[in-house]
């Protein structure tokens, strides 16, 4: 029981830090999932004034866009798709928001 309470406290603390950083109220369900689903499909929709972007991985060392991103619009890459994005991108979003 104590471990569950610590986990909840940590999740709530992370959500509050993100709230403070982006200036938008967040539920812990927007940050963590137990079933692979999030209330909001894209982190861009949670942040005020976001016009979309591409991750740094979308560009090669010369600044040219990689082929796999060329058919996407800014922000399209961040839509949550359980079968294709997985935990790497969720961790990426959290790191991006906290830095």
PDB file of N, CA and C in Angstrom:
ATOM      1  N   UNK A   1       0.821  -1.190   0.000  1.00  0.00           N
ATOM      2  CA  UNK A   1       0.000   0.000   0.000  1.00  0.00           C
ATOM      3  C   UNK A   1       0.871   1.262   0.000  1.00  0.00           C
ATOM      4  N   UNK A   2       1.920   1.272   0.779  1.00  0.00           N
ATOM      5  CA  UNK A   2       2.775   2.457   0.865  1.00  0.00           C
ATOM      6  C   UNK A   2       3.450   2.766  -0.471  1.00  0.00           C
ATOM      7  N   UNK A   3       3.849   1.712  -1.207  1.00  0.00           N
ATOM      8  CA  UNK A   3       4.476   1.932  -2.518  1.00  0.00           C
ATOM      9  C   UNK A   3       3.493   2.570  -3.486  1.00  0.00           C
ATOM     10  N   UNK A   4       2.224   2.170  -3.431  1.00  0.00           N
ATOM     11  CA  UNK A   4       1.214   2.753  -4.297  1.00  0.00           C
ATOM     12  C   UNK A   4       1.024   4.229  -3.977  1.00  0.00           C
ATOM     13  N   UNK A   5       1.026   4.573  -2.715  1.00  0.00           N
ATOM     14  CA  UNK A   5       0.859   5.971  -2.328  1.00  0.00           C
ATOM     15  C   UNK A   5       2.057   6.802  -2.793  1.00  0.00           C
ATOM     16  N   UNK A   6       3.255   6.255  -2.697  1.00  0.00           N
ATOM     17  CA  UNK A   6       4.442   6.975  -3.170  1.00  0.00           C
ATOM     18  C   UNK A   6       4.384   7.164  -4.681  1.00  0.00           C
ATOM     19  N   UNK A   7       3.935   6.142  -5.398  1.00  0.00           N
ATOM     20  CA  UNK A   7       3.819   6.249  -6.852  1.00  0.00           C
ATOM     21  C   UNK A   7       2.805   7.314  -7.229  1.00  0.00           C
ATOM     22  N   UNK A   8       1.674   7.334  -6.560  1.00  0.00           N
ATOM     23  CA  UNK A   8       0.666   8.346  -6.838  1.00  0.00           C
ATOM     24  C   UNK A   8       1.216   9.738  -6.531  1.00  0.00           C
ATOM     25  N   UNK A   9       1.889   9.863  -5.420  1.00  0.00           N
ATOM     26  CA  UNK A   9       2.470  11.162  -5.042  1.00  0.00           C
ATOM     27  C   UNK A   9       3.485  11.616  -6.094  1.00  0.00           C
ATOM     28  N   UNK A  10       4.328  10.718  -6.569  1.00  0.00           N
ATOM     29  CA  UNK A  10       5.299  11.066  -7.603  1.00  0.00           C
ATOM     30  C   UNK A  10       4.583  11.494  -8.888  1.00  0.00           C
ATOM     31  N   UNK A  11       3.565  10.753  -9.304  1.00  0.00           N
ATOM     32  CA  UNK A  11       2.815  11.106 -10.514  1.00  0.00           C
ATOM     33  C   UNK A  11       2.164  12.476 -10.363  1.00  0.00           C
ATOM     34  N   UNK A  12       1.583  12.739  -9.226  1.00  0.00           N
ATOM     35  CA  UNK A  12       0.952  14.041  -8.971  1.00  0.00           C
ATOM     36  C   UNK A  12       1.991  15.164  -8.965  1.00  0.00           C
ATOM     37  N   UNK A  13       3.160  14.911  -8.398  1.00  0.00           N
ATOM     38  CA  UNK A  13       4.230  15.909  -8.377  1.00  0.00           C
ATOM     39  C   UNK A  13       4.715  16.234  -9.783  1.00  0.00           C
ATOM     40  N   UNK A  14       4.880  15.220 -10.617  1.00  0.00           N
ATOM     41  CA  UNK A  14       5.300  15.435 -12.011  1.00  0.00           C
ATOM     42  C   UNK A  14       4.232  16.223 -12.758  1.00  0.00           C
ATOM     43  N   UNK A  15       2.968  15.857 -12.608  1.00  0.00           N
ATOM     44  CA  UNK A  15       1.873  16.571 -13.280  1.00  0.00           C
ATOM     45  C   UNK A  15       1.842  18.035 -12.838  1.00  0.00           C
ATOM     46  N   UNK A  16       2.046  18.299 -11.564  1.00  0.00           N
ATOM     47  CA  UNK A  16       2.058  19.676 -11.063  1.00  0.00           C
ATOM     48  C   UNK A  16       3.239  20.469 -11.625  1.00  0.00           C
ATOM     49  N   UNK A  17       4.391  19.827 -11.754  1.00  0.00           N
ATOM     50  CA  UNK A  17       5.558  20.509 -12.336  1.00  0.00           C
ATOM     51  C   UNK A  17       5.285  20.866 -13.800  1.00  0.00           C
ATOM     52  N   UNK A  18       4.654  19.950 -14.531  1.00  0.00           N
ATOM     53  CA  UNK A  18       4.293  20.235 -15.919  1.00  0.00           C
ATOM     54  C   UNK A  18       3.266  21.358 -15.999  1.00  0.00           C
ATOM     55  N   UNK A  19       2.284  21.333 -15.099  1.00  0.00           N
ATOM     56  CA  UNK A  19       1.290  22.412 -15.043  1.00  0.00           C
ATOM     57  C   UNK A  19       1.976  23.761 -14.889  1.00  0.00           C
ATOM     58  N   UNK A  20       2.888  23.821 -13.966  1.00  0.00           N
ATOM     59  CA  UNK A  20       3.602  25.072 -13.705  1.00  0.00           C
ATOM     60  C   UNK A  20       4.410  25.509 -14.930  1.00  0.00           C
ATOM     61  N   UNK A  21       5.043  24.558 -15.578  1.00  0.00           N
ATOM     62  CA  UNK A  21       5.890  24.861 -16.733  1.00  0.00           C
ATOM     63  C   UNK A  21       5.093  25.371 -17.930  1.00  0.00           C
ATOM     64  N   UNK A  22       3.968  24.727 -18.247  1.00  0.00           N
ATOM     65  CA  UNK A  22       3.222  25.120 -19.441  1.00  0.00           C
ATOM     66  C   UNK A  22       2.053  26.051 -19.147  1.00  0.00           C
ATOM     67  N   UNK A  23       1.736  26.251 -17.865  1.00  0.00           N
ATOM     68  CA  UNK A  23       0.674  27.184 -17.505  1.00  0.00           C
ATOM     69  C   UNK A  23      -0.735  26.691 -17.786  1.00  0.00           C
ATOM     70  N   UNK A  24      -0.921  25.394 -17.781  1.00  0.00           N
ATOM     71  CA  UNK A  24      -2.222  24.787 -18.049  1.00  0.00           C
ATOM     72  C   UNK A  24      -2.484  23.715 -17.001  1.00  0.00           C
ATOM     73  N   UNK A  25      -3.694  23.692 -16.470  1.00  0.00           N
ATOM     74  CA  UNK A  25      -4.051  22.662 -15.494  1.00  0.00           C
ATOM     75  C   UNK A  25      -4.034  21.293 -16.171  1.00  0.00           C
ATOM     76  N   UNK A  26      -3.381  20.335 -15.524  1.00  0.00           N
ATOM     77  CA  UNK A  26      -3.269  18.976 -16.064  1.00  0.00           C
ATOM     78  C   UNK A  26      -3.732  17.956 -15.049  1.00  0.00           C
ATOM     79  N   UNK A  27      -4.426  16.977 -15.541  1.00  0.00           N
ATOM     80  CA  UNK A  27      -4.762  15.814 -14.733  1.00  0.00           C
ATOM     81  C   UNK A  27      -3.584  14.842 -14.840  1.00  0.00           C
ATOM     82  N   UNK A  28      -3.385  14.030 -13.849  1.00  0.00           N
ATOM     83  CA  UNK A  28      -2.322  13.023 -13.951  1.00  0.00           C
ATOM     84  C   UNK A  28      -2.598  12.081 -15.119  1.00  0.00           C
ATOM     85  N   UNK A  29      -3.866  11.945 -15.522  1.00  0.00           N
ATOM     86  CA  UNK A  29      -4.217  11.082 -16.664  1.00  0.00           C
ATOM     87  C   UNK A  29      -3.680  11.632 -17.979  1.00  0.00           C
ATOM     88  N   UNK A  30      -3.366  12.938 -18.041  1.00  0.00           N
ATOM     89  CA  UNK A  30      -2.783  13.521 -19.246  1.00  0.00           C
ATOM     90  C   UNK A  30      -1.286  13.206 -19.344  1.00  0.00           C
ATOM     91  N   UNK A  31      -0.697  12.790 -18.239  1.00  0.00           N
ATOM     92  CA  UNK A  31       0.743  12.550 -18.182  1.00  0.00           C
ATOM     93  C   UNK A  31       1.073  11.065 -18.087  1.00  0.00           C
ATOM     94  N   UNK A  32       0.288  10.321 -17.334  1.00  0.00           N
ATOM     95  CA  UNK A  32       0.525   8.891 -17.114  1.00  0.00           C
ATOM     96  C   UNK A  32      -0.713   8.098 -17.508  1.00  0.00           C
ATOM     97  N   UNK A  33      -0.489   6.878 -17.964  1.00  0.00           N
ATOM     98  CA  UNK A  33      -1.604   6.016 -18.336  1.00  0.00           C
ATOM     99  C   UNK A  33      -1.402   4.620 -17.762  1.00  0.00           C
ATOM    100  N   UNK A  34      -2.502   4.002 -17.413  1.00  0.00           N
ATOM    101  CA  UNK A  34      -2.446   2.605 -16.982  1.00  0.00           C
ATOM    102  C   UNK A  34      -3.045   1.691 -18.039  1.00  0.00           C
ATOM    103  N   UNK A  35      -3.721   2.278 -19.033  1.00  0.00           N
ATOM    104  CA  UNK A  35      -4.382   1.473 -20.058  1.00  0.00           C
ATOM    105  C   UNK A  35      -3.966   1.830 -21.485  1.00  0.00           C
ATOM    106  N   UNK A  36      -2.961   2.672 -21.641  1.00  0.00           N
ATOM    107  CA  UNK A  36      -2.490   3.032 -22.975  1.00  0.00           C
ATOM    108  C   UNK A  36      -3.264   4.142 -23.649  1.00  0.00           C
ATOM    109  N   UNK A  37      -4.184   4.782 -22.939  1.00  0.00           N
ATOM    110  CA  UNK A  37      -4.990   5.859 -23.525  1.00  0.00           C
ATOM    111  C   UNK A  37      -4.783   7.150 -22.739  1.00  0.00           C
ATOM    112  N   UNK A  38      -4.876   8.260 -23.452  1.00  0.00           N
ATOM    113  CA  UNK A  38      -4.781   9.587 -22.839  1.00  0.00           C
ATOM    114  C   UNK A  38      -6.021  10.385 -23.226  1.00  0.00           C
ATOM    115  N   UNK A  39      -6.513  11.252 -22.341  1.00  0.00           N
ATOM    116  CA  UNK A  39      -7.680  12.070 -22.681  1.00  0.00           C
ATOM    117  C   UNK A  39      -7.435  12.977 -23.890  1.00  0.00           C
ATOM    118  N   UNK A  40      -6.220  13.484 -24.046  1.00  0.00           N
ATOM    119  CA  UNK A  40      -5.877  14.362 -25.160  1.00  0.00           C
ATOM    120  C   UNK A  40      -4.878  13.642 -26.052  1.00  0.00           C
ATOM    121  N   UNK A  41      -5.170  13.591 -27.352  1.00  0.00           N
ATOM    122  CA  UNK A  41      -4.372  12.797 -28.281  1.00  0.00           C
ATOM    123  C   UNK A  41      -2.993  13.370 -28.580  1.00  0.00           C
ATOM    124  N   UNK A  42      -2.816  14.670 -28.422  1.00  0.00           N
ATOM    125  CA  UNK A  42      -1.550  15.290 -28.807  1.00  0.00           C
ATOM    126  C   UNK A  42      -1.145  16.334 -27.766  1.00  0.00           C
ATOM    127  N   UNK A  43       0.105  16.315 -27.395  1.00  0.00           N
ATOM    128  CA  UNK A  43       0.597  17.264 -26.407  1.00  0.00           C
ATOM    129  C   UNK A  43       0.423  18.705 -26.886  1.00  0.00           C
ATOM    130  N   UNK A  44       0.434  18.932 -28.191  1.00  0.00           N
ATOM    131  CA  UNK A  44       0.235  20.283 -28.742  1.00  0.00           C
ATOM    132  C   UNK A  44      -1.120  20.851 -28.335  1.00  0.00           C
ATOM    133  N   UNK A  45      -2.107  19.983 -28.200  1.00  0.00           N
ATOM    134  CA  UNK A  45      -3.438  20.437 -27.824  1.00  0.00           C
ATOM    135  C   UNK A  45      -3.522  20.832 -26.356  1.00  0.00           C
ATOM    136  N   UNK A  46      -2.524  20.471 -25.583  1.00  0.00           N
ATOM    137  CA  UNK A  46      -2.488  20.833 -24.169  1.00  0.00           C
ATOM    138  C   UNK A  46      -1.760  22.153 -23.923  1.00  0.00           C
ATOM    139  N   UNK A  47      -0.975  22.570 -24.858  1.00  0.00           N
ATOM    140  CA  UNK A  47      -0.140  23.750 -24.653  1.00  0.00           C
ATOM    141  C   UNK A  47      -0.701  24.957 -25.404  1.00  0.00           C
ATOM    142  N   UNK A  48      -0.878  26.069 -24.701  1.00  0.00           N
ATOM    143  CA  UNK A  48      -1.435  27.243 -25.352  1.00  0.00           C
ATOM    144  C   UNK A  48      -0.486  27.813 -26.405  1.00  0.00           C
ATOM    145  N   UNK A  49      -1.036  28.162 -27.530  1.00  0.00           N
ATOM    146  CA  UNK A  49      -0.243  28.801 -28.570  1.00  0.00           C
ATOM    147  C   UNK A  49       0.656  27.885 -29.365  1.00  0.00           C
ATOM    148  N   UNK A  50       0.557  26.588 -29.185  1.00  0.00           N
ATOM    149  CA  UNK A  50       1.412  25.674 -29.936  1.00  0.00           C
ATOM    150  C   UNK A  50       0.946  25.625 -31.390  1.00  0.00           C
ATOM    151  N   UNK A  51       1.868  25.833 -32.291  1.00  0.00           N
ATOM    152  CA  UNK A  51       1.539  25.777 -33.713  1.00  0.00           C
ATOM    153  C   UNK A  51       2.064  24.499 -34.354  1.00  0.00           C
ATOM    154  N   UNK A  52       2.580  23.614 -33.549  1.00  0.00           N
ATOM    155  CA  UNK A  52       3.131  22.367 -34.057  1.00  0.00           C
ATOM    156  C   UNK A  52       4.617  22.516 -34.359  1.00  0.00           C
ATOM    157  N   UNK A  53       5.286  21.409 -34.451  1.00  0.00           N
ATOM    158  CA  UNK A  53       6.717  21.407 -34.724  1.00  0.00           C
ATOM    159  C   UNK A  53       7.114  20.025 -35.220  1.00  0.00           C
ATOM    160  N   UNK A  54       8.380  19.870 -35.459  1.00  0.00           N
ATOM    161  CA  UNK A  54       8.951  18.567 -35.772  1.00  0.00           C
ATOM    162  C   UNK A  54      10.007  18.272 -34.715  1.00  0.00           C
ATOM    163  N   UNK A  55      10.178  16.998 -34.341  1.00  0.00           N
ATOM    164  CA  UNK A  55      11.233  16.669 -33.381  1.00  0.00           C
ATOM    165  C   UNK A  55      12.598  16.855 -34.035  1.00  0.00           C
ATOM    166  N   UNK A  56      13.611  17.037 -33.238  1.00  0.00           N
ATOM    167  CA  UNK A  56      14.960  17.205 -33.785  1.00  0.00           C
ATOM    168  C   UNK A  56      15.378  16.003 -34.619  1.00  0.00           C
ATOM    169  N   UNK A  57      14.840  14.821 -34.314  1.00  0.00           N
ATOM    170  CA  UNK A  57      15.162  13.604 -35.061  1.00  0.00           C
ATOM    171  C   UNK A  57      14.640  13.654 -36.499  1.00  0.00           C
ATOM    172  N   UNK A  58      13.766  14.627 -36.803  1.00  0.00           N
ATOM    173  CA  UNK A  58      13.207  14.736 -38.156  1.00  0.00           C
ATOM    174  C   UNK A  58      14.217  15.298 -39.149  1.00  0.00           C
ATOM    175  N   UNK A  59      15.324  15.819 -38.642  1.00  0.00           N
ATOM    176  CA  UNK A  59      16.315  16.460 -39.508  1.00  0.00           C
ATOM    177  C   UNK A  59      17.666  15.757 -39.419  1.00  0.00           C
ATOM    178  N   UNK A  60      18.369  15.699 -40.541  1.00  0.00           N
ATOM    179  CA  UNK A  60      19.707  15.109 -40.530  1.00  0.00           C
ATOM    180  C   UNK A  60      20.720  16.163 -40.062  1.00  0.00           C
ATOM    181  N   UNK A  61      21.997  15.797 -40.044  1.00  0.00           N
ATOM    182  CA  UNK A  61      23.038  16.686 -39.524  1.00  0.00           C
ATOM    183  C   UNK A  61      23.211  17.967 -40.342  1.00  0.00           C
ATOM    184  N   UNK A  62      22.710  17.963 -41.584  1.00  0.00           N
ATOM    185  CA  UNK A  62      22.786  19.167 -42.432  1.00  0.00           C
ATOM    186  C   UNK A  62      21.515  20.004 -42.372  1.00  0.00           C
ATOM    187  N   UNK A  63      20.558  19.598 -41.550  1.00  0.00           N
ATOM    188  CA  UNK A  63      19.317  20.344 -41.425  1.00  0.00           C
ATOM    189  C   UNK A  63      18.249  19.974 -42.435  1.00  0.00           C
ATOM    190  N   UNK A  64      18.480  18.936 -43.206  1.00  0.00           N
ATOM    191  CA  UNK A  64      17.498  18.477 -44.180  1.00  0.00           C
ATOM    192  C   UNK A  64      16.510  17.523 -43.520  1.00  0.00           C
ATOM    193  N   UNK A  65      15.237  17.656 -43.887  1.00  0.00           N
ATOM    194  CA  UNK A  65      14.220  16.792 -43.308  1.00  0.00           C
ATOM    195  C   UNK A  65      14.379  15.360 -43.819  1.00  0.00           C
ATOM    196  N   UNK A  66      14.297  14.419 -42.885  1.00  0.00           N
ATOM    197  CA  UNK A  66      14.399  13.006 -43.232  1.00  0.00           C
ATOM    198  C   UNK A  66      13.140  12.573 -44.001  1.00  0.00           C
ATOM    199  N   UNK A  67      13.286  11.619 -44.927  1.00  0.00           N
ATOM    200  CA  UNK A  67      12.162  11.184 -45.777  1.00  0.00           C
ATOM    201  C   UNK A  67      10.916  10.750 -45.000  1.00  0.00           C
ATOM    202  N   UNK A  68      11.097  10.090 -43.868  1.00  0.00           N
ATOM    203  CA  UNK A  68       9.938   9.579 -43.134  1.00  0.00           C
ATOM    204  C   UNK A  68       9.063  10.680 -42.530  1.00  0.00           C
ATOM    205  N   UNK A  69       9.553  11.923 -42.498  1.00  0.00           N
ATOM    206  CA  UNK A  69       8.782  13.046 -41.955  1.00  0.00           C
ATOM    207  C   UNK A  69       8.229  13.968 -43.041  1.00  0.00           C
ATOM    208  N   UNK A  70       8.611  13.768 -44.271  1.00  0.00           N
ATOM    209  CA  UNK A  70       8.265  14.713 -45.340  1.00  0.00           C
ATOM    210  C   UNK A  70       6.778  14.832 -45.628  1.00  0.00           C
ATOM    211  N   UNK A  71       6.009  13.795 -45.381  1.00  0.00           N
ATOM    212  CA  UNK A  71       4.573  13.857 -45.654  1.00  0.00           C
ATOM    213  C   UNK A  71       3.757  14.307 -44.451  1.00  0.00           C
ATOM    214  N   UNK A  72       4.426  14.639 -43.368  1.00  0.00           N
ATOM    215  CA  UNK A  72       3.737  15.093 -42.161  1.00  0.00           C
ATOM    216  C   UNK A  72       3.698  16.615 -42.100  1.00  0.00           C
ATOM    217  N   UNK A  73       2.693  17.121 -41.411  1.00  0.00           N
ATOM    218  CA  UNK A  73       2.631  18.548 -41.118  1.00  0.00           C
ATOM    219  C   UNK A  73       3.170  18.752 -39.713  1.00  0.00           C
ATOM    220  N   UNK A  74       3.610  19.980 -39.385  1.00  0.00           N
ATOM    221  CA  UNK A  74       4.076  20.217 -38.023  1.00  0.00           C
ATOM    222  C   UNK A  74       3.007  19.793 -37.008  1.00  0.00           C
ATOM    223  N   UNK A  75       3.416  19.044 -36.020  1.00  0.00           N
ATOM    224  CA  UNK A  75       2.506  18.574 -34.985  1.00  0.00           C
ATOM    225  C   UNK A  75       1.897  17.214 -35.254  1.00  0.00           C
ATOM    226  N   UNK A  76       1.835  16.775 -36.523  1.00  0.00           N
ATOM    227  CA  UNK A  76       1.242  15.470 -36.828  1.00  0.00           C
ATOM    228  C   UNK A  76       1.988  14.326 -36.155  1.00  0.00           C
ATOM    229  N   UNK A  77       3.281  14.442 -36.051  1.00  0.00           N
ATOM    230  CA  UNK A  77       4.093  13.358 -35.511  1.00  0.00           C
ATOM    231  C   UNK A  77       3.807  13.079 -34.043  1.00  0.00           C
ATOM    232  N   UNK A  78       3.220  14.021 -33.337  1.00  0.00           N
ATOM    233  CA  UNK A  78       3.044  13.833 -31.892  1.00  0.00           C
ATOM    234  C   UNK A  78       1.695  13.247 -31.513  1.00  0.00           C
ATOM    235  N   UNK A  79       0.863  12.905 -32.472  1.00  0.00           N
ATOM    236  CA  UNK A  79      -0.422  12.277 -32.141  1.00  0.00           C
ATOM    237  C   UNK A  79      -0.163  10.922 -31.501  1.00  0.00           C
ATOM    238  N   UNK A  80      -0.835  10.669 -30.427  1.00  0.00           N
ATOM    239  CA  UNK A  80      -0.652   9.412 -29.721  1.00  0.00           C
ATOM    240  C   UNK A  80      -1.321   8.277 -30.483  1.00  0.00           C
ATOM    241  N   UNK A  81      -0.530   7.314 -30.886  1.00  0.00           N
ATOM    242  CA  UNK A  81      -1.026   6.094 -31.523  1.00  0.00           C
ATOM    243  C   UNK A  81      -0.434   4.934 -30.733  1.00  0.00           C
ATOM    244  N   UNK A  82      -1.231   4.259 -29.926  1.00  0.00           N
ATOM    245  CA  UNK A  82      -0.700   3.227 -29.036  1.00  0.00           C
ATOM    246  C   UNK A  82       0.203   2.206 -29.703  1.00  0.00           C
ATOM    247  N   UNK A  83      -0.100   1.802 -30.913  1.00  0.00           N
ATOM    248  CA  UNK A  83       0.701   0.744 -31.522  1.00  0.00           C
ATOM    249  C   UNK A  83       2.017   1.243 -32.095  1.00  0.00           C
ATOM    250  N   UNK A  84       2.156   2.548 -32.333  1.00  0.00           N
ATOM    251  CA  UNK A  84       3.371   3.000 -33.007  1.00  0.00           C
ATOM    252  C   UNK A  84       4.274   3.909 -32.191  1.00  0.00           C
ATOM    253  N   UNK A  85       3.745   4.638 -31.226  1.00  0.00           N
ATOM    254  CA  UNK A  85       4.607   5.578 -30.509  1.00  0.00           C
ATOM    255  C   UNK A  85       5.245   4.967 -29.258  1.00  0.00           C
ATOM    256  N   UNK A  86       4.453   4.422 -28.397  1.00  0.00           N
ATOM    257  CA  UNK A  86       4.985   3.754 -27.231  1.00  0.00           C
ATOM    258  C   UNK A  86       5.626   4.675 -26.206  1.00  0.00           C
ATOM    259  N   UNK A  87       6.320   4.085 -25.255  1.00  0.00           N
ATOM    260  CA  UNK A  87       6.840   4.819 -24.109  1.00  0.00           C
ATOM    261  C   UNK A  87       7.970   5.773 -24.456  1.00  0.00           C
ATOM    262  N   UNK A  88       8.732   5.529 -25.526  1.00  0.00           N
ATOM    263  CA  UNK A  88       9.812   6.438 -25.893  1.00  0.00           C
ATOM    264  C   UNK A  88       9.282   7.849 -26.101  1.00  0.00           C
ATOM    265  N   UNK A  89       8.192   7.993 -26.861  1.00  0.00           N
ATOM    266  CA  UNK A  89       7.665   9.322 -27.151  1.00  0.00           C
ATOM    267  C   UNK A  89       7.031   9.960 -25.935  1.00  0.00           C
ATOM    268  N   UNK A  90       6.353   9.180 -25.085  1.00  0.00           N
ATOM    269  CA  UNK A  90       5.796   9.766 -23.867  1.00  0.00           C
ATOM    270  C   UNK A  90       6.924  10.329 -23.018  1.00  0.00           C
ATOM    271  N   UNK A  91       8.017   9.593 -22.878  1.00  0.00           N
ATOM    272  CA  UNK A  91       9.164  10.085 -22.114  1.00  0.00           C
ATOM    273  C   UNK A  91       9.762  11.306 -22.797  1.00  0.00           C
ATOM    274  N   UNK A  92       9.793  11.302 -24.128  1.00  0.00           N
ATOM    275  CA  UNK A  92      10.315  12.445 -24.893  1.00  0.00           C
ATOM    276  C   UNK A  92       9.500  13.701 -24.589  1.00  0.00           C
ATOM    277  N   UNK A  93       8.166  13.584 -24.588  1.00  0.00           N
ATOM    278  CA  UNK A  93       7.314  14.740 -24.306  1.00  0.00           C
ATOM    279  C   UNK A  93       7.604  15.296 -22.926  1.00  0.00           C
ATOM    280  N   UNK A  94       7.696  14.411 -21.959  1.00  0.00           N
ATOM    281  CA  UNK A  94       7.930  14.849 -20.587  1.00  0.00           C
ATOM    282  C   UNK A  94       9.280  15.543 -20.465  1.00  0.00           C
ATOM    283  N   UNK A  95      10.328  14.958 -21.083  1.00  0.00           N
ATOM    284  CA  UNK A  95      11.651  15.603 -21.036  1.00  0.00           C
ATOM    285  C   UNK A  95      11.607  16.976 -21.702  1.00  0.00           C
ATOM    286  N   UNK A  96      10.921  17.080 -22.842  1.00  0.00           N
ATOM    287  CA  UNK A  96      10.821  18.348 -23.572  1.00  0.00           C
ATOM    288  C   UNK A  96      10.123  19.400 -22.734  1.00  0.00           C
ATOM    289  N   UNK A  97       9.040  19.022 -22.085  1.00  0.00           N
ATOM    290  CA  UNK A  97       8.277  19.991 -21.296  1.00  0.00           C
ATOM    291  C   UNK A  97       9.028  20.445 -20.051  1.00  0.00           C
ATOM    292  N   UNK A  98       9.839  19.562 -19.499  1.00  0.00           N
ATOM    293  CA  UNK A  98      10.559  19.904 -18.271  1.00  0.00           C
ATOM    294  C   UNK A  98      11.847  20.689 -18.523  1.00  0.00           C
ATOM    295  N   UNK A  99      12.307  20.751 -19.774  1.00  0.00           N
ATOM    296  CA  UNK A  99      13.558  21.485 -20.059  1.00  0.00           C
ATOM    297  C   UNK A  99      13.284  22.815 -20.703  1.00  0.00           C
TER     298      UNK A  99
END
